[in-house]
Protein backbone atom coordinates (compact mmCIF):
# COMPACT_ATOMS: atom_id res chain seq x y z
CA MET A 1 2.93 7.72 0.80
CA LEU A 2 3.68 10.88 -1.52
CA GLN A 3 7.55 9.74 -0.97
CA TRP A 4 7.22 6.36 -2.04
CA VAL A 5 4.46 5.58 -4.27
CA PRO A 6 4.97 7.92 -7.36
CA GLU A 7 1.47 7.76 -8.40
CA VAL A 8 -0.05 9.38 -5.37
CA SER A 9 -1.05 12.90 -5.58
CA THR A 10 -2.33 13.72 -2.74
CA VAL A 11 -2.93 12.33 0.87
CA ALA A 12 -5.72 14.38 2.82
CA LYS A 13 -5.94 13.12 6.55
CA GLY A 14 -9.77 12.78 7.65
CA ASP A 15 -11.44 12.15 11.58
CA ALA A 16 -11.18 8.18 10.41
CA GLY A 17 -8.53 8.00 7.58
CA PHE A 18 -6.60 9.24 4.65
CA THR A 19 -8.33 10.19 0.94
CA ILE A 20 -5.62 8.99 -1.39
CA LYS A 21 -5.64 10.69 -5.09
CA ARG A 22 -3.84 9.28 -7.86
CA ASN A 23 -2.49 11.36 -10.78
CA LYS A 24 -2.24 8.58 -13.14
CA THR A 25 -4.53 6.35 -14.43
CA ALA A 26 -5.17 3.13 -11.76
CA LEU A 27 -7.65 1.12 -10.91
CA ASN A 28 -8.49 3.09 -7.52
CA GLN A 29 -8.11 6.76 -8.90
CA SER A 30 -9.53 8.05 -5.24
CA GLU A 31 -9.71 6.13 -2.47
CA PHE A 32 -10.24 6.20 1.51
CA ILE A 33 -7.54 4.11 3.44
CA GLN A 34 -7.77 3.42 7.02
CA VAL A 35 -4.69 2.68 8.83
CA GLU A 36 -4.05 0.46 12.07
CA SER A 37 -1.08 -1.22 13.49
CA ASN A 38 -1.07 -4.20 15.73
CA ASN A 39 1.95 -6.09 17.00
CA ASN A 40 4.46 -6.11 14.29
CA GLN A 41 1.86 -5.42 11.24
CA ILE A 42 0.44 -2.01 9.98
CA ILE A 43 -2.93 -2.61 8.26
CA TYR A 44 -4.51 -0.72 5.10
CA THR A 45 -8.07 -1.24 4.72
CA SER A 46 -8.82 0.55 1.40
CA THR A 47 -12.74 1.37 0.76
CA GLN A 48 -14.77 3.84 -1.82
CA GLY A 49 -12.31 2.89 -4.87
CA ARG A 50 -13.13 0.85 -8.00
CA LEU A 51 -11.44 -2.19 -5.66
CA GLU A 52 -11.71 -2.49 -2.10
CA TYR A 53 -8.93 -4.22 -0.43
CA GLN A 54 -6.94 -5.06 2.82
CA LEU A 55 -3.10 -4.33 2.63
CA ILE A 56 -0.99 -5.97 5.51
CA PHE A 57 2.53 -4.97 5.76
CA SER A 58 4.45 -7.57 8.39
CA LEU A 59 7.52 -6.60 10.20
CA SER A 60 10.35 -8.88 11.46
CA GLU A 61 14.28 -9.13 11.81
CA GLU A 62 16.21 -11.33 10.25
CA ASN A 63 20.11 -10.81 10.14
CA LYS A 64 20.17 -7.63 11.95
CA SER A 65 17.54 -6.08 9.44
CA THR A 66 14.22 -5.76 9.34
CA VAL A 67 12.33 -7.48 6.90
CA ILE A 68 8.89 -6.23 5.11
CA GLN A 69 6.47 -8.63 4.01
CA GLU A 70 3.44 -7.02 2.28
CA GLU A 71 0.24 -9.40 1.83
CA LEU A 72 -2.78 -8.05 -0.38
CA TYR A 73 -6.45 -9.75 0.73
CA ILE A 74 -9.23 -8.84 -2.12
CA PRO A 75 -13.05 -9.94 -0.59
CA ASP A 76 -14.67 -12.69 -2.63
CA THR A 77 -17.27 -10.29 -3.94
CA ALA A 78 -14.53 -8.28 -6.26
CA GLY A 79 -14.46 -10.62 -8.42
CA LYS A 80 -17.93 -10.47 -9.63
CA HIS A 81 -17.15 -6.97 -11.09
CA LEU A 82 -13.17 -6.32 -11.91
CA PRO A 83 -11.15 -9.70 -13.66
CA VAL A 84 -9.18 -10.27 -10.47
CA GLN A 85 -7.13 -12.97 -11.75
CA LEU A 86 -6.02 -10.61 -14.85
CA LEU A 87 -5.06 -7.90 -12.20
CA ALA A 88 -3.17 -10.04 -9.97
CA PRO A 89 0.26 -9.50 -11.86
CA ILE A 90 0.06 -6.00 -12.68
CA ALA A 91 -0.95 -5.12 -8.87
CA LYS A 92 2.15 -7.68 -7.91
CA HIS A 93 4.39 -5.63 -9.93
CA ALA A 94 3.11 -2.16 -8.69
CA PHE A 95 3.51 -3.29 -5.02
CA HIS A 96 6.88 -4.65 -5.76
CA THR A 97 8.27 -1.55 -6.77
CA ASN A 98 6.31 0.73 -4.08
CA LEU A 99 7.79 -1.79 -1.78
CA VAL A 100 11.45 -1.12 -3.64
CA ASN A 101 10.85 2.46 -3.49
CA LEU A 102 9.78 2.35 0.57
CA ALA A 103 13.12 0.55 1.05
CA SER A 104 15.24 3.26 -0.64
CA LEU A 105 13.28 5.86 1.25
CA VAL A 106 13.93 3.93 4.61
CA GLU A 107 17.90 3.34 3.60
CA MET A 108 18.03 7.59 2.64
CA LEU A 109 16.20 8.54 5.98
CA THR A 110 18.54 6.12 7.91
CA ALA A 111 21.88 7.19 6.18
CA THR A 112 21.00 10.90 6.81
CA GLU A 113 19.93 10.13 10.48
CA ALA A 114 23.47 8.40 11.26
């Protein structure tokens, strides 16, 4: 994450997941993330921040390339204390930027290995 999410300043591994801290103002300045993988998915479950969420990366192959789809799930209770509808466009932009950064990192690493 440190290489593809620019606002993340530290990632500390714990027994059950990772503590993420950001150096820029963010909805979740700090959060705890559990990571699991199933089939062709990587699932981040975030807790201990202002907004708890689940982020699912689905990987598939298309035209000899890997396609990454990202889906964000927010519990129904989140809307009671945060303006989720107003946050959606901001989150969508941030996630798009992070996916572009991830793709660039993967391309760079793949080119280095070749």
